[in-house]
């Protein structure tokens, strides 16, 4: 859904030719949540007149959300709870017998 809209949005300005297939291959490696975040970020940047790369592959790569990880102790010190807050998700790592919090 977002891919066609993204390409249409990027096509409103000069675009590096022949990159659509490569762009689609990269897009398909991303989760639906990442795709939505990338689309929203690029849309917001374009609306604000900010730079978005003319190569759609680089535009996507530049706007992939960064994953943040903190320890359960650091999370508790910050929020005073173990409940999920502000986009942080509690994740248990069974192989390490450890809980962390992840935010994208």
Protein backbone atom coordinates (compact mmCIF):
# COMPACT_ATOMS: atom_id res chain seq x y z
CA UNK A 1 0.00 0.00 0.00
CA UNK A 2 2.59 2.58 1.06
CA UNK A 3 5.07 1.71 -1.71
CA UNK A 4 2.95 2.98 -4.59
CA UNK A 5 2.12 6.13 -2.64
CA UNK A 6 5.79 6.61 -1.75
CA UNK A 7 6.90 6.34 -5.38
CA UNK A 8 4.11 8.69 -6.49
CA UNK A 9 5.22 11.17 -3.83
CA UNK A 10 8.88 10.92 -4.83
CA UNK A 11 8.01 11.23 -8.53
CA UNK A 12 6.85 14.81 -8.02
CA UNK A 13 10.50 15.87 -8.34
CA UNK A 14 13.48 14.67 -10.39
CA UNK A 15 14.23 11.05 -9.55
CA UNK A 16 17.23 8.88 -10.34
CA UNK A 17 16.01 6.73 -13.25
CA UNK A 18 15.81 2.94 -13.19
CA UNK A 19 15.72 2.59 -9.41
CA UNK A 20 12.11 1.51 -8.88
CA UNK A 21 12.82 -2.25 -8.98
CA UNK A 22 15.77 -1.92 -6.60
CA UNK A 23 13.66 0.29 -4.37
CA UNK A 24 10.88 -2.31 -4.29
CA UNK A 25 13.35 -5.08 -3.34
CA UNK A 26 14.57 -3.00 -0.39
CA UNK A 27 11.00 -2.05 0.58
CA UNK A 28 9.94 -5.71 0.72
CA UNK A 29 12.67 -6.48 3.29
CA UNK A 30 11.10 -4.06 5.77
CA UNK A 31 8.32 -4.74 8.25
CA UNK A 32 4.92 -3.10 7.75
CA UNK A 33 5.63 -0.85 10.74
CA UNK A 34 8.99 0.25 9.30
CA UNK A 35 7.35 0.91 5.93
CA UNK A 36 4.70 3.10 7.52
CA UNK A 37 7.29 4.99 9.58
CA UNK A 38 9.49 5.57 6.52
CA UNK A 39 6.54 6.74 4.45
CA UNK A 40 5.38 9.14 7.17
CA UNK A 41 8.89 10.50 7.74
CA UNK A 42 9.50 11.14 4.03
CA UNK A 43 6.04 12.70 3.60
CA UNK A 44 6.60 15.00 6.58
CA UNK A 45 10.07 16.01 5.38
CA UNK A 46 8.81 16.82 1.88
CA UNK A 47 5.89 18.83 3.26
CA UNK A 48 8.29 20.77 5.48
CA UNK A 49 10.61 21.46 2.55
CA UNK A 50 13.40 19.34 4.04
CA UNK A 51 15.86 17.32 1.95
CA UNK A 52 14.92 13.81 0.84
CA UNK A 53 17.38 12.06 -1.46
CA UNK A 54 16.43 11.96 -5.15
CA UNK A 55 17.49 8.31 -5.36
CA UNK A 56 14.47 6.46 -3.89
CA UNK A 57 16.70 3.67 -2.52
CA UNK A 58 18.81 6.19 -0.63
CA UNK A 59 15.65 8.02 0.45
CA UNK A 60 14.41 4.82 2.08
CA UNK A 61 17.80 3.90 3.56
CA UNK A 62 18.22 7.39 5.03
CA UNK A 63 14.84 7.16 6.76
CA UNK A 64 14.81 3.61 8.16
CA UNK A 65 13.89 3.99 11.83
CA UNK A 66 16.71 3.28 14.22
CA UNK A 67 16.16 0.60 16.84
CA UNK A 68 16.90 1.65 20.41
CA UNK A 69 17.55 -0.85 23.20
CA UNK A 70 17.89 -0.26 26.92
CA UNK A 71 18.24 -2.60 29.87
CA UNK A 72 15.32 -3.36 32.15
CA UNK A 73 17.12 -1.57 35.00
CA UNK A 74 17.63 1.61 32.95
CA UNK A 75 14.01 1.49 31.79
CA UNK A 76 12.75 1.14 35.36
CA UNK A 77 14.93 4.04 36.54
CA UNK A 78 13.50 6.21 33.76
CA UNK A 79 9.80 5.25 33.98
CA UNK A 80 9.43 3.70 37.45
CA UNK A 81 7.46 0.79 35.99
CA UNK A 82 7.82 -2.33 33.87
CA UNK A 83 4.79 -1.41 31.73
CA UNK A 84 5.37 -0.37 28.11
CA UNK A 85 5.57 3.44 27.63
CA UNK A 86 6.36 5.90 24.83
CA UNK A 87 6.79 3.22 22.17
CA UNK A 88 9.10 1.03 24.28
CA UNK A 89 8.23 -2.67 24.22
CA UNK A 90 9.33 -5.11 26.91
CA UNK A 91 11.16 -8.05 25.34
CA UNK A 92 12.47 -11.17 27.04
CA UNK A 93 15.58 -12.80 25.58
CA UNK A 94 15.31 -16.47 26.60
CA UNK A 95 18.80 -17.39 25.41
CA UNK A 96 20.27 -14.77 27.77
CA UNK A 97 17.56 -15.02 30.45
CA UNK A 98 17.34 -11.25 30.29
CA UNK A 99 14.64 -8.61 29.76
CA UNK A 100 15.29 -5.56 27.61
CA UNK A 101 13.15 -2.76 26.20
CA UNK A 102 13.13 -2.05 22.47
CA UNK A 103 11.93 1.08 20.66
CA UNK A 104 11.82 1.66 16.92
